[in-house]
PDB file of N, CA and C in Angstrom:
ATOM      1  N   MET A   1       0.959  -1.134   0.124  1.00  0.00           N
ATOM      2  CA  MET A   1      -0.232   0.357   0.036  1.00  0.00           C
ATOM      3  C   MET A   1       0.635   1.068  -0.038  1.00  0.00           C
ATOM      4  N   ALA A   2       0.580   2.114  -0.604  1.00  0.00           N
ATOM      5  CA  ALA A   2       1.250   3.522  -0.760  1.00  0.00           C
ATOM      6  C   ALA A   2       0.494   4.413  -0.613  1.00  0.00           C
ATOM      7  N   ASP A   3       1.243   5.216   0.365  1.00  0.00           N
ATOM      8  CA  ASP A   3       0.196   6.359   1.001  1.00  0.00           C
ATOM      9  C   ASP A   3       0.742   7.756   0.450  1.00  0.00           C
ATOM     10  N   ASP A   4       0.285   8.912  -0.554  1.00  0.00           N
ATOM     11  CA  ASP A   4       0.751   9.343  -1.320  1.00  0.00           C
ATOM     12  C   ASP A   4       1.211  10.889  -0.625  1.00  0.00           C
ATOM     13  N   SER A   5       0.084  10.844   0.535  1.00  0.00           N
ATOM     14  CA  SER A   5       0.243  11.978   1.449  1.00  0.00           C
ATOM     15  C   SER A   5      -0.623  12.098   2.289  1.00  0.00           C
ATOM     16  N   ARG A   6      -0.886  12.946   3.314  1.00  0.00           N
ATOM     17  CA  ARG A   6      -2.143  13.437   4.432  1.00  0.00           C
ATOM     18  C   ARG A   6      -3.378  12.751   3.200  1.00  0.00           C
ATOM     19  N   TYR A   7      -3.102  13.747   2.562  1.00  0.00           N
ATOM     20  CA  TYR A   7      -4.426  14.163   2.052  1.00  0.00           C
ATOM     21  C   TYR A   7      -4.565  13.452   0.503  1.00  0.00           C
ATOM     22  N   GLY A   8      -3.653  12.694   0.155  1.00  0.00           N
ATOM     23  CA  GLY A   8      -3.410  12.485  -1.269  1.00  0.00           C
ATOM     24  C   GLY A   8      -4.067  10.904  -1.754  1.00  0.00           C
ATOM     25  N   ALA A   9      -3.746   9.692  -1.847  1.00  0.00           N
ATOM     26  CA  ALA A   9      -4.361   8.870  -2.422  1.00  0.00           C
ATOM     27  C   ALA A   9      -3.658   7.929  -1.619  1.00  0.00           C
ATOM     28  N   VAL A  10      -4.311   6.317  -1.709  1.00  0.00           N
ATOM     29  CA  VAL A  10      -3.924   5.277  -0.691  1.00  0.00           C
ATOM     30  C   VAL A  10      -4.238   4.251  -1.964  1.00  0.00           C
ATOM     31  N   VAL A  11      -3.291   3.599  -2.288  1.00  0.00           N
ATOM     32  CA  VAL A  11      -3.540   2.404  -2.789  1.00  0.00           C
ATOM     33  C   VAL A  11      -3.073   1.049  -2.621  1.00  0.00           C
ATOM     34  N   SER A  12      -4.108   0.063  -2.679  1.00  0.00           N
ATOM     35  CA  SER A  12      -4.020  -1.521  -2.519  1.00  0.00           C
ATOM     36  C   SER A  12      -2.951  -1.840  -2.848  1.00  0.00           C
ATOM     37  N   GLU A  13      -2.843  -2.957  -2.081  1.00  0.00           N
ATOM     38  CA  GLU A  13      -1.587  -3.762  -2.065  1.00  0.00           C
ATOM     39  C   GLU A  13      -1.118  -4.170  -3.756  1.00  0.00           C
ATOM     40  N   ASP A  14      -2.464  -4.932  -4.167  1.00  0.00           N
ATOM     41  CA  ASP A  14      -2.108  -5.033  -5.208  1.00  0.00           C
ATOM     42  C   ASP A  14      -2.121  -4.150  -6.386  1.00  0.00           C
ATOM     43  N   GLY A  15      -2.258  -2.988  -5.943  1.00  0.00           N
ATOM     44  CA  GLY A  15      -2.122  -1.556  -6.768  1.00  0.00           C
ATOM     45  C   GLY A  15      -3.639  -1.239  -8.072  1.00  0.00           C
ATOM     46  N   ALA A  16      -4.489  -2.303  -7.738  1.00  0.00           N
ATOM     47  CA  ALA A  16      -5.221  -2.441  -8.580  1.00  0.00           C
ATOM     48  C   ALA A  16      -6.396  -1.117  -7.789  1.00  0.00           C
ATOM     49  N   GLN A  17      -6.380  -0.927  -6.890  1.00  0.00           N
ATOM     50  CA  GLN A  17      -7.977   0.212  -6.721  1.00  0.00           C
ATOM     51  C   GLN A  17      -7.082   1.257  -5.783  1.00  0.00           C
ATOM     52  N   SER A  18      -7.766   2.185  -6.029  1.00  0.00           N
ATOM     53  CA  SER A  18      -6.831   3.586  -5.381  1.00  0.00           C
ATOM     54  C   SER A  18      -7.871   4.052  -4.247  1.00  0.00           C
ATOM     55  N   LEU A  19      -8.021   4.917  -3.274  1.00  0.00           N
ATOM     56  CA  LEU A  19      -9.029   5.598  -2.268  1.00  0.00           C
ATOM     57  C   LEU A  19      -8.563   6.950  -2.327  1.00  0.00           C
ATOM     58  N   ASP A  20      -8.982   7.912  -3.233  1.00  0.00           N
ATOM     59  CA  ASP A  20      -8.596   9.374  -3.223  1.00  0.00           C
ATOM     60  C   ASP A  20      -9.150  10.125  -1.520  1.00  0.00           C
ATOM     61  N   LEU A  21      -8.127  10.394  -0.949  1.00  0.00           N
ATOM     62  CA  LEU A  21      -8.507  11.058   0.670  1.00  0.00           C
ATOM     63  C   LEU A  21      -8.588  12.673   0.628  1.00  0.00           C
ATOM     64  N   ALA A  22      -8.484  12.957  -0.855  1.00  0.00           N
ATOM     65  CA  ALA A  22      -8.302  14.674  -0.938  1.00  0.00           C
ATOM     66  C   ALA A  22      -9.573  15.693   0.377  1.00  0.00           C
ATOM     67  N   GLU A  23     -10.724  14.602   0.173  1.00  0.00           N
ATOM     68  CA  GLU A  23     -11.406  15.236   1.116  1.00  0.00           C
ATOM     69  C   GLU A  23     -11.538  14.328   2.463  1.00  0.00           C
ATOM     70  N   TRP A  24     -10.669  14.007   3.680  1.00  0.00           N
ATOM     71  CA  TRP A  24     -10.347  13.460   4.724  1.00  0.00           C
ATOM     72  C   TRP A  24     -11.203  14.211   6.094  1.00  0.00           C
ATOM     73  N   PRO A  25     -12.197  13.834   7.310  1.00  0.00           N
ATOM     74  CA  PRO A  25     -12.241  14.263   8.031  1.00  0.00           C
ATOM     75  C   PRO A  25     -11.131  14.785   8.791  1.00  0.00           C
ATOM     76  N   VAL A  26     -11.022  16.238   9.517  1.00  0.00           N
ATOM     77  CA  VAL A  26     -10.249  16.698  10.366  1.00  0.00           C
ATOM     78  C   VAL A  26     -10.522  15.169  12.010  1.00  0.00           C
ATOM     79  N   GLY A  27      -9.318  15.364  12.349  1.00  0.00           N
ATOM     80  CA  GLY A  27      -8.930  14.357  13.201  1.00  0.00           C
ATOM     81  C   GLY A  27      -8.988  12.606  13.537  1.00  0.00           C
ATOM     82  N   LEU A  28      -9.375  12.654  12.133  1.00  0.00           N
ATOM     83  CA  LEU A  28      -9.200  10.793  11.918  1.00  0.00           C
ATOM     84  C   LEU A  28      -7.724  10.456  11.557  1.00  0.00           C
ATOM     85  N   PRO A  29      -7.123   9.123  12.173  1.00  0.00           N
ATOM     86  CA  PRO A  29      -5.848   9.259  12.010  1.00  0.00           C
ATOM     87  C   PRO A  29      -6.119   8.626  10.255  1.00  0.00           C
ATOM     88  N   THR A  30      -4.476   8.839   9.506  1.00  0.00           N
ATOM     89  CA  THR A  30      -4.564   8.717   8.266  1.00  0.00           C
ATOM     90  C   THR A  30      -5.048   7.031   7.828  1.00  0.00           C
ATOM     91  N   VAL A  31      -5.223   6.648   6.488  1.00  0.00           N
ATOM     92  CA  VAL A  31      -5.398   5.578   6.326  1.00  0.00           C
ATOM     93  C   VAL A  31      -4.030   4.920   5.797  1.00  0.00           C
ATOM     94  N   ARG A  32      -4.147   3.742   6.551  1.00  0.00           N
ATOM     95  CA  ARG A  32      -3.025   2.702   6.696  1.00  0.00           C
ATOM     96  C   ARG A  32      -2.956   1.477   5.281  1.00  0.00           C
ATOM     97  N   SER A  33      -3.943   1.267   4.737  1.00  0.00           N
ATOM     98  CA  SER A  33      -4.340   0.260   3.854  1.00  0.00           C
ATOM     99  C   SER A  33      -5.726   0.108   3.566  1.00  0.00           C
ATOM    100  N   VAL A  34      -6.485  -0.352   2.238  1.00  0.00           N
ATOM    101  CA  VAL A  34      -7.752  -0.182   2.232  1.00  0.00           C
ATOM    102  C   VAL A  34      -7.578  -1.623   1.037  1.00  0.00           C
ATOM    103  N   VAL A  35      -8.979  -1.730   0.913  1.00  0.00           N
ATOM    104  CA  VAL A  35      -9.573  -3.015   0.464  1.00  0.00           C
ATOM    105  C   VAL A  35     -10.807  -2.505  -0.296  1.00  0.00           C
ATOM    106  N   ARG A  36     -10.861  -2.486  -1.690  1.00  0.00           N
ATOM    107  CA  ARG A  36     -12.406  -1.953  -1.893  1.00  0.00           C
ATOM    108  C   ARG A  36     -13.558  -3.076  -2.133  1.00  0.00           C
ATOM    109  N   LEU A  37     -14.782  -2.687  -1.240  1.00  0.00           N
ATOM    110  CA  LEU A  37     -15.944  -3.465  -1.110  1.00  0.00           C
ATOM    111  C   LEU A  37     -16.817  -3.613  -2.405  1.00  0.00           C
ATOM    112  N   ALA A  38     -17.506  -5.043  -2.606  1.00  0.00           N
ATOM    113  CA  ALA A  38     -18.372  -4.854  -3.650  1.00  0.00           C
ATOM    114  C   ALA A  38     -19.597  -4.438  -3.062  1.00  0.00           C
ATOM    115  N   GLY A  39     -20.429  -4.509  -4.263  1.00  0.00           N
ATOM    116  CA  GLY A  39     -21.927  -3.927  -3.788  1.00  0.00           C
ATOM    117  C   GLY A  39     -22.131  -2.414  -3.954  1.00  0.00           C
ATOM    118  N   GLY A  40     -23.140  -2.074  -3.163  1.00  0.00           N
ATOM    119  CA  GLY A  40     -23.331  -0.921  -3.177  1.00  0.00           C
ATOM    120  C   GLY A  40     -23.862  -0.354  -4.328  1.00  0.00           C
ATOM    121  N   TRP A  41     -25.161   0.559  -3.754  1.00  0.00           N
ATOM    122  CA  TRP A  41     -25.455   1.122  -5.074  1.00  0.00           C
ATOM    123  C   TRP A  41     -25.689   2.811  -5.649  1.00  0.00           C
ATOM    124  N   ILE A  42     -24.948   3.370  -4.291  1.00  0.00           N
ATOM    125  CA  ILE A  42     -24.660   4.868  -4.267  1.00  0.00           C
ATOM    126  C   ILE A  42     -23.422   4.747  -3.972  1.00  0.00           C
ATOM    127  N   GLY A  43     -22.617   5.523  -4.676  1.00  0.00           N
ATOM    128  CA  GLY A  43     -21.039   5.557  -4.326  1.00  0.00           C
ATOM    129  C   GLY A  43     -20.115   4.631  -4.485  1.00  0.00           C
ATOM    130  N   ARG A  44     -18.812   4.727  -3.580  1.00  0.00           N
ATOM    131  CA  ARG A  44     -17.786   3.685  -3.685  1.00  0.00           C
ATOM    132  C   ARG A  44     -17.656   3.441  -2.297  1.00  0.00           C
ATOM    133  N   THR A  45     -17.108   2.117  -1.400  1.00  0.00           N
ATOM    134  CA  THR A  45     -16.980   1.886  -0.758  1.00  0.00           C
ATOM    135  C   THR A  45     -15.525   0.937  -0.363  1.00  0.00           C
ATOM    136  N   TRP A  46     -15.332   1.576   0.748  1.00  0.00           N
ATOM    137  CA  TRP A  46     -13.574   0.742   0.725  1.00  0.00           C
ATOM    138  C   TRP A  46     -13.589   0.326   2.319  1.00  0.00           C
ATOM    139  N   ARG A  47     -13.189  -0.758   2.520  1.00  0.00           N
ATOM    140  CA  ARG A  47     -12.611  -1.181   3.856  1.00  0.00           C
ATOM    141  C   ARG A  47     -11.179  -0.802   4.029  1.00  0.00           C
ATOM    142  N   ALA A  48     -11.413   0.110   5.151  1.00  0.00           N
ATOM    143  CA  ALA A  48     -10.045   0.444   5.449  1.00  0.00           C
ATOM    144  C   ALA A  48      -9.556   0.666   6.797  1.00  0.00           C
ATOM    145  N   THR A  49      -8.022   0.529   7.115  1.00  0.00           N
ATOM    146  CA  THR A  49      -7.563   0.135   7.902  1.00  0.00           C
ATOM    147  C   THR A  49      -6.930   1.562   8.610  1.00  0.00           C
ATOM    148  N   LEU A  50      -7.024   2.235   9.802  1.00  0.00           N
ATOM    149  CA  LEU A  50      -6.824   3.567  10.033  1.00  0.00           C
ATOM    150  C   LEU A  50      -5.281   3.124  10.404  1.00  0.00           C
ATOM    151  N   ALA A  51      -4.617   4.363  10.966  1.00  0.00           N
ATOM    152  CA  ALA A  51      -2.872   4.405  11.759  1.00  0.00           C
ATOM    153  C   ALA A  51      -2.984   3.864  12.369  1.00  0.00           C
ATOM    154  N   ASP A  52      -4.447   4.336  13.384  1.00  0.00           N
ATOM    155  CA  ASP A  52      -4.530   3.662  15.097  1.00  0.00           C
ATOM    156  C   ASP A  52      -4.921   2.245  15.151  1.00  0.00           C
ATOM    157  N   GLY A  53      -5.262   1.529  13.776  1.00  0.00           N
ATOM    158  CA  GLY A  53      -5.504   0.215  13.937  1.00  0.00           C
ATOM    159  C   GLY A  53      -6.796  -0.076  13.924  1.00  0.00           C
ATOM    160  N   ARG A  54      -7.780   0.947  13.934  1.00  0.00           N
ATOM    161  CA  ARG A  54      -9.268   0.821  13.719  1.00  0.00           C
ATOM    162  C   ARG A  54      -9.758   0.099  12.365  1.00  0.00           C
ATOM    163  N   ASP A  55     -10.033  -0.577  12.133  1.00  0.00           N
ATOM    164  CA  ASP A  55     -10.628  -1.287  10.385  1.00  0.00           C
ATOM    165  C   ASP A  55     -11.983  -0.458  10.452  1.00  0.00           C
ATOM    166  N   VAL A  56     -12.507   0.218   9.592  1.00  0.00           N
ATOM    167  CA  VAL A  56     -13.135   1.217   9.251  1.00  0.00           C
ATOM    168  C   VAL A  56     -14.170   1.261   8.013  1.00  0.00           C
ATOM    169  N   VAL A  57     -15.331   1.593   7.946  1.00  0.00           N
ATOM    170  CA  VAL A  57     -15.701   1.667   6.122  1.00  0.00           C
ATOM    171  C   VAL A  57     -15.408   3.194   5.604  1.00  0.00           C
ATOM    172  N   VAL A  58     -15.125   3.340   4.874  1.00  0.00           N
ATOM    173  CA  VAL A  58     -14.976   4.737   3.552  1.00  0.00           C
ATOM    174  C   VAL A  58     -16.117   4.319   2.796  1.00  0.00           C
ATOM    175  N   LYS A  59     -17.153   5.568   2.637  1.00  0.00           N
ATOM    176  CA  LYS A  59     -18.087   5.680   1.400  1.00  0.00           C
ATOM    177  C   LYS A  59     -17.890   6.912   0.880  1.00  0.00           C
ATOM    178  N   LEU A  60     -17.157   7.050  -0.475  1.00  0.00           N
ATOM    179  CA  LEU A  60     -17.381   8.073  -1.141  1.00  0.00           C
ATOM    180  C   LEU A  60     -18.295   8.389  -2.018  1.00  0.00           C
ATOM    181  N   CYS A  61     -19.634   9.371  -1.330  1.00  0.00           N
ATOM    182  CA  CYS A  61     -20.544   9.438  -1.806  1.00  0.00           C
ATOM    183  C   CYS A  61     -20.711  10.467  -3.362  1.00  0.00           C
ATOM    184  N   PRO A  62     -21.689  10.419  -4.215  1.00  0.00           N
ATOM    185  CA  PRO A  62     -21.747  11.420  -5.316  1.00  0.00           C
ATOM    186  C   PRO A  62     -22.816  12.390  -4.809  1.00  0.00           C
ATOM    187  N   TYR A  63     -22.819  13.042  -3.304  1.00  0.00           N
ATOM    188  CA  TYR A  63     -23.450  14.053  -2.928  1.00  0.00           C
ATOM    189  C   TYR A  63     -22.772  14.355  -1.782  1.00  0.00           C
ATOM    190  N   PRO A  64     -23.126  15.240  -0.848  1.00  0.00           N
ATOM    191  CA  PRO A  64     -22.460  15.860   0.406  1.00  0.00           C
ATOM    192  C   PRO A  64     -22.600  14.777   1.644  1.00  0.00           C
ATOM    193  N   ALA A  65     -21.798  14.356   2.074  1.00  0.00           N
ATOM    194  CA  ALA A  65     -21.927  12.945   2.908  1.00  0.00           C
ATOM    195  C   ALA A  65     -22.551  14.045   4.280  1.00  0.00           C
ATOM    196  N   ASP A  66     -22.501  14.796   4.717  1.00  0.00           N
ATOM    197  CA  ASP A  66     -23.074  15.071   5.940  1.00  0.00           C
ATOM    198  C   ASP A  66     -25.103  14.883   5.754  1.00  0.00           C
ATOM    199  N   VAL A  67     -24.699  14.906   4.160  1.00  0.00           N
ATOM    200  CA  VAL A  67     -26.576  14.590   4.704  1.00  0.00           C
ATOM    201  C   VAL A  67     -26.940  12.832   4.732  1.00  0.00           C
ATOM    202  N   GLU A  68     -25.960  12.382   4.178  1.00  0.00           N
ATOM    203  CA  GLU A  68     -26.380  10.981   4.917  1.00  0.00           C
ATOM    204  C   GLU A  68     -25.792  10.565   6.246  1.00  0.00           C
ATOM    205  N   ALA A  69     -25.052  11.218   6.434  1.00  0.00           N
ATOM    206  CA  ALA A  69     -24.803  11.508   8.175  1.00  0.00           C
ATOM    207  C   ALA A  69     -26.017  11.835   9.214  1.00  0.00           C
ATOM    208  N   ASP A  70     -26.563  12.817   8.428  1.00  0.00           N
ATOM    209  CA  ASP A  70     -27.833  13.646   9.167  1.00  0.00           C
ATOM    210  C   ASP A  70     -28.751  12.248   9.029  1.00  0.00           C
ATOM    211  N   GLY A  71     -29.198  11.708   7.726  1.00  0.00           N
ATOM    212  CA  GLY A  71     -29.890  10.876   7.620  1.00  0.00           C
ATOM    213  C   GLY A  71     -29.961   9.125   8.762  1.00  0.00           C
ATOM    214  N   LEU A  72     -28.136   9.103   9.537  1.00  0.00           N
ATOM    215  CA  LEU A  72     -27.925   7.805  10.131  1.00  0.00           C
ATOM    216  C   LEU A  72     -28.434   8.105  11.757  1.00  0.00           C
ATOM    217  N   ALA A  73     -28.335   9.699  11.674  1.00  0.00           N
ATOM    218  CA  ALA A  73     -28.249  10.111  13.191  1.00  0.00           C
ATOM    219  C   ALA A  73     -29.943  10.405  13.226  1.00  0.00           C
ATOM    220  N   ALA A  74     -30.975  10.538  12.140  1.00  0.00           N
ATOM    221  CA  ALA A  74     -32.072  10.541  12.602  1.00  0.00           C
ATOM    222  C   ALA A  74     -32.871   9.115  12.524  1.00  0.00           C
ATOM    223  N   LEU A  75     -32.067   7.731  12.259  1.00  0.00           N
ATOM    224  CA  LEU A  75     -32.736   6.728  12.379  1.00  0.00           C
ATOM    225  C   LEU A  75     -32.166   6.237  13.584  1.00  0.00           C
ATOM    226  N   VAL A  76     -31.463   6.516  14.183  1.00  0.00           N
ATOM    227  CA  VAL A  76     -30.474   6.448  16.000  1.00  0.00           C
ATOM    228  C   VAL A  76     -31.478   7.026  16.655  1.00  0.00           C
ATOM    229  N   GLY A  77     -31.967   8.628  16.266  1.00  0.00           N
ATOM    230  CA  GLY A  77     -33.105   9.388  16.852  1.00  0.00           C
ATOM    231  C   GLY A  77     -34.605   8.172  17.394  1.00  0.00           C
ATOM    232  N   ALA A  78     -34.428   7.542  15.696  1.00  0.00           N
ATOM    233  CA  ALA A  78     -35.798   6.504  15.801  1.00  0.00           C
ATOM    234  C   ALA A  78     -35.658   5.215  16.579  1.00  0.00           C
ATOM    235  N   GLY A  79     -34.226   4.820  17.422  1.00  0.00           N
ATOM    236  CA  GLY A  79     -33.988   3.587  17.552  1.00  0.00           C
ATOM    237  C   GLY A  79     -33.576   2.444  17.115  1.00  0.00           C
ATOM    238  N   VAL A  80     -32.905   2.671  15.708  1.00  0.00           N
ATOM    239  CA  VAL A  80     -32.497   1.883  14.849  1.00  0.00           C
ATOM    240  C   VAL A  80     -30.986   1.538  15.098  1.00  0.00           C
ATOM    241  N   PRO A  81     -30.746   0.873  15.043  1.00  0.00           N
ATOM    242  CA  PRO A  81     -29.193   0.551  15.562  1.00  0.00           C
ATOM    243  C   PRO A  81     -28.269   0.871  14.021  1.00  0.00           C
ATOM    244  N   VAL A  82     -27.618   1.600  13.619  1.00  0.00           N
ATOM    245  CA  VAL A  82     -26.788   1.898  12.853  1.00  0.00           C
ATOM    246  C   VAL A  82     -25.228   1.803  13.018  1.00  0.00           C
ATOM    247  N   PRO A  83     -24.530   1.940  11.980  1.00  0.00           N
ATOM    248  CA  PRO A  83     -22.930   2.192  12.156  1.00  0.00           C
ATOM    249  C   PRO A  83     -22.610   3.246  12.802  1.00  0.00           C
ATOM    250  N   GLU A  84     -21.720   3.637  13.378  1.00  0.00           N
ATOM    251  CA  GLU A  84     -21.260   5.198  14.356  1.00  0.00           C
ATOM    252  C   GLU A  84     -20.668   5.662  13.274  1.00  0.00           C
ATOM    253  N   VAL A  85     -20.767   6.943  12.689  1.00  0.00           N
ATOM    254  CA  VAL A  85     -20.149   7.514  12.019  1.00  0.00           C
ATOM    255  C   VAL A  85     -19.114   8.278  13.216  1.00  0.00           C
ATOM    256  N   PHE A  86     -17.934   8.365  12.171  1.00  0.00           N
ATOM    257  CA  PHE A  86     -16.507   8.527  12.932  1.00  0.00           C
ATOM    258  C   PHE A  86     -16.298   9.846  12.211  1.00  0.00           C
ATOM    259  N   GLY A  87     -16.451   9.984  11.400  1.00  0.00           N
ATOM    260  CA  GLY A  87     -16.118  11.440  10.585  1.00  0.00           C
ATOM    261  C   GLY A  87     -16.552  11.606   9.202  1.00  0.00           C
ATOM    262  N   VAL A  88     -16.936  12.807   8.960  1.00  0.00           N
ATOM    263  CA  VAL A  88     -17.605  13.292   7.291  1.00  0.00           C
ATOM    264  C   VAL A  88     -16.721  13.981   6.821  1.00  0.00           C
ATOM    265  N   ALA A  89     -16.508  14.405   5.773  1.00  0.00           N
ATOM    266  CA  ALA A  89     -15.850  15.717   5.384  1.00  0.00           C
ATOM    267  C   ALA A  89     -16.313  15.527   3.796  1.00  0.00           C
ATOM    268  N   GLY A  90     -16.812  16.786   3.507  1.00  0.00           N
ATOM    269  CA  GLY A  90     -17.416  16.880   1.388  1.00  0.00           C
ATOM    270  C   GLY A  90     -17.728  15.734   1.634  1.00  0.00           C
ATOM    271  N   ARG A  91     -17.272  14.591   0.653  1.00  0.00           N
ATOM    272  CA  ARG A  91     -17.993  13.919  -0.171  1.00  0.00           C
ATOM    273  C   ARG A  91     -17.286  12.359   0.593  1.00  0.00           C
ATOM    274  N   THR A  92     -16.592  12.624   2.046  1.00  0.00           N
ATOM    275  CA  THR A  92     -16.052  11.290   2.375  1.00  0.00           C
ATOM    276  C   THR A  92     -17.096  11.273   3.808  1.00  0.00           C
ATOM    277  N   LEU A  93     -17.778   9.894   4.006  1.00  0.00           N
ATOM    278  CA  LEU A  93     -18.088   9.085   4.882  1.00  0.00           C
ATOM    279  C   LEU A  93     -17.482   8.236   5.361  1.00  0.00           C
ATOM    280  N   VAL A  94     -16.853   8.239   6.865  1.00  0.00           N
ATOM    281  CA  VAL A  94     -16.624   7.182   7.729  1.00  0.00           C
ATOM    282  C   VAL A  94     -16.694   7.050   8.462  1.00  0.00           C
ATOM    283  N   LEU A  95     -17.344   5.382   8.604  1.00  0.00           N
ATOM    284  CA  LEU A  95     -18.148   4.888   9.581  1.00  0.00           C
ATOM    285  C   LEU A  95     -17.555   3.375  10.110  1.00  0.00           C
ATOM    286  N   GLN A  96     -18.247   3.205  11.291  1.00  0.00           N
ATOM    287  CA  GLN A  96     -17.954   1.802  12.125  1.00  0.00           C
ATOM    288  C   GLN A  96     -17.971   0.528  11.137  1.00  0.00           C
ATOM    289  N   LEU A  97     -16.869  -0.339  11.346  1.00  0.00           N
ATOM    290  CA  LEU A  97     -17.025  -1.687  10.148  1.00  0.00           C
ATOM    291  C   LEU A  97     -17.953  -2.386  11.618  1.00  0.00           C
ATOM    292  N   VAL A  98     -19.084  -3.172  10.619  1.00  0.00           N
ATOM    293  CA  VAL A  98     -20.067  -4.053  11.600  1.00  0.00           C
ATOM    294  C   VAL A  98     -19.685  -5.333  10.685  1.00  0.00           C
ATOM    295  N   GLU A  99     -19.644  -6.362  11.405  1.00  0.00           N
ATOM    296  CA  GLU A  99     -19.536  -7.828  10.890  1.00  0.00           C
ATOM    297  C   GLU A  99     -20.215  -8.532  11.359  1.00  0.00           C
ATOM    298  N   GLY A 100     -20.250  -9.879  10.866  1.00  0.00           N
ATOM    299  CA  GLY A 100     -21.263 -11.352  11.638  1.00  0.00           C
ATOM    300  C   GLY A 100     -22.457 -11.094  10.758  1.00  0.00           C
ATOM    301  N   PRO A 101     -22.844 -12.609  10.944  1.00  0.00           N
ATOM    302  CA  PRO A 101     -24.129 -12.570  10.352  1.00  0.00           C
ATOM    303  C   PRO A 101     -25.458 -11.689  10.503  1.00  0.00           C
ATOM    304  N   PRO A 102     -26.107 -11.495   9.626  1.00  0.00           N
ATOM    305  CA  PRO A 102     -27.166 -10.477   9.747  1.00  0.00           C
ATOM    306  C   PRO A 102     -28.546 -10.881  10.812  1.00  0.00           C
ATOM    307  N   ASP A 103     -28.550 -10.419  11.968  1.00  0.00           N
ATOM    308  CA  ASP A 103     -29.544 -10.784  13.214  1.00  0.00           C
ATOM    309  C   ASP A 103     -31.278  -9.905  12.548  1.00  0.00           C
ATOM    310  N   TRP A 104     -31.862 -11.360  11.572  1.00  0.00           N
ATOM    311  CA  TRP A 104     -33.286 -10.616  11.214  1.00  0.00           C
ATOM    312  C   TRP A 104     -34.353 -10.474  12.060  1.00  0.00           C
ATOM    313  N   SER A 105     -34.246 -11.038  12.999  1.00  0.00           N
ATOM    314  CA  SER A 105     -35.212 -10.494  14.012  1.00  0.00           C
ATOM    315  C   SER A 105     -35.304  -9.557  14.607  1.00  0.00           C
ATOM    316  N   MET A 106     -33.724  -8.708  15.087  1.00  0.00           N
ATOM    317  CA  MET A 106     -33.489  -7.450  15.487  1.00  0.00           C
ATOM    318  C   MET A 106     -33.646  -6.449  14.167  1.00  0.00           C
ATOM    319  N   LEU A 107     -33.813  -6.775  12.993  1.00  0.00           N
ATOM    320  CA  LEU A 107     -33.674  -6.168  12.226  1.00  0.00           C
ATOM    321  C   LEU A 107     -35.108  -5.795  11.810  1.00  0.00           C
ATOM    322  N   GLY A 108     -35.993  -6.729  11.786  1.00  0.00           N
ATOM    323  CA  GLY A 108     -37.868  -6.377  11.678  1.00  0.00           C
ATOM    324  C   GLY A 108     -37.831  -5.650  13.117  1.00  0.00           C
ATOM    325  N   THR A 109     -37.514  -5.839  13.722  1.00  0.00           N
ATOM    326  CA  THR A 109     -37.830  -5.100  15.185  1.00  0.00           C
ATOM    327  C   THR A 109     -37.517  -3.401  15.243  1.00  0.00           C
ATOM    328  N   ALA A 110     -36.321  -3.441  14.436  1.00  0.00           N
ATOM    329  CA  ALA A 110     -35.908  -1.806  14.459  1.00  0.00           C
ATOM    330  C   ALA A 110     -36.806  -1.070  13.271  1.00  0.00           C
ATOM    331  N   ILE A 111     -36.662  -2.168  12.311  1.00  0.00           N
ATOM    332  CA  ILE A 111     -37.812  -1.498  11.287  1.00  0.00           C
ATOM    333  C   ILE A 111     -39.181  -1.089  11.741  1.00  0.00           C
ATOM    334  N   ALA A 112     -39.450  -1.754  12.821  1.00  0.00           N
ATOM    335  CA  ALA A 112     -40.868  -1.527  13.053  1.00  0.00           C
ATOM    336  C   ALA A 112     -40.739  -0.425  13.811  1.00  0.00           C
ATOM    337  N   ARG A 113     -39.844  -0.286  14.449  1.00  0.00           N
ATOM    338  CA  ARG A 113     -40.213   0.867  15.554  1.00  0.00           C
ATOM    339  C   ARG A 113     -39.574   2.098  14.740  1.00  0.00           C
ATOM    340  N   MET A 114     -38.479   2.189  13.651  1.00  0.00           N
ATOM    341  CA  MET A 114     -38.480   3.278  13.022  1.00  0.00           C
ATOM    342  C   MET A 114     -40.239   3.435  12.299  1.00  0.00           C
ATOM    343  N   HIS A 115     -40.933   3.130  11.902  1.00  0.00           N
ATOM    344  CA  HIS A 115     -42.149   2.990  11.279  1.00  0.00           C
ATOM    345  C   HIS A 115     -43.118   3.660  12.345  1.00  0.00           C
ATOM    346  N   ARG A 116     -42.893   3.693  13.451  1.00  0.00           N
ATOM    347  CA  ARG A 116     -43.720   4.268  14.894  1.00  0.00           C
ATOM    348  C   ARG A 116     -43.474   5.314  14.726  1.00  0.00           C
ATOM    349  N   CYS A 117     -42.054   6.066  14.380  1.00  0.00           N
ATOM    350  CA  CYS A 117     -41.976   7.546  14.811  1.00  0.00           C
ATOM    351  C   CYS A 117     -42.685   8.251  13.612  1.00  0.00           C
ATOM    352  N   THR A 118     -43.205   9.370  14.344  1.00  0.00           N
ATOM    353  CA  THR A 118     -43.941  10.040  13.109  1.00  0.00           C
ATOM    354  C   THR A 118     -43.601  11.885  13.540  1.00  0.00           C
ATOM    355  N   ASP A 119     -43.965  12.664  12.572  1.00  0.00           N
ATOM    356  CA  ASP A 119     -43.690  14.246  12.683  1.00  0.00           C
ATOM    357  C   ASP A 119     -44.502  14.416  11.515  1.00  0.00           C
ATOM    358  N   ARG A 120     -44.416  16.370  11.867  1.00  0.00           N
ATOM    359  CA  ARG A 120     -45.452  17.101  10.855  1.00  0.00           C
ATOM    360  C   ARG A 120     -44.908  17.264   9.456  1.00  0.00           C
ATOM    361  N   GLN A 121     -43.721  16.665   9.151  1.00  0.00           N
ATOM    362  CA  GLN A 121     -43.450  16.645   7.628  1.00  0.00           C
ATOM    363  C   GLN A 121     -42.648  15.090   7.677  1.00  0.00           C
ATOM    364  N   PHE A 122     -42.579  15.174   5.798  1.00  0.00           N
ATOM    365  CA  PHE A 122     -41.672  13.920   5.346  1.00  0.00           C
ATOM    366  C   PHE A 122     -40.669  14.466   6.163  1.00  0.00           C
ATOM    367  N   GLY A 123     -39.216  13.013   6.047  1.00  0.00           N
ATOM    368  CA  GLY A 123     -38.027  13.688   6.042  1.00  0.00           C
ATOM    369  C   GLY A 123     -37.721  13.514   7.751  1.00  0.00           C
ATOM    370  N   TRP A 124     -36.141  14.550   7.511  1.00  0.00           N
ATOM    371  CA  TRP A 124     -36.033  14.990   9.321  1.00  0.00           C
ATOM    372  C   TRP A 124     -35.381  16.155   9.175  1.00  0.00           C
TER     373      TRP A 124
END
């Protein structure tokens, strides 16, 4: 993995993938290594290891990432478990890495809890 600069690009060990760090959240350690994650409908996602050893998910959004962070905060407010947001900068969103098998029962309960939340307008 090559780190071109604090806010440059990080390239995977095989050289096939590059994560542009032009917009990196202030206060988060630099990225040591990256692996591109498959799937996702909007934006590109990476599993990254930070200089402090934490494994995180980095999402490069096609829109300001604070919009998605606000949506995740609204879900937390409705009692829905979501990954912790570690940082947001421009179009970059850094999230807690969540692993393991899905808990479908908990997901159903969380969705039901979310749908019980109402307000005077649509959205948050």
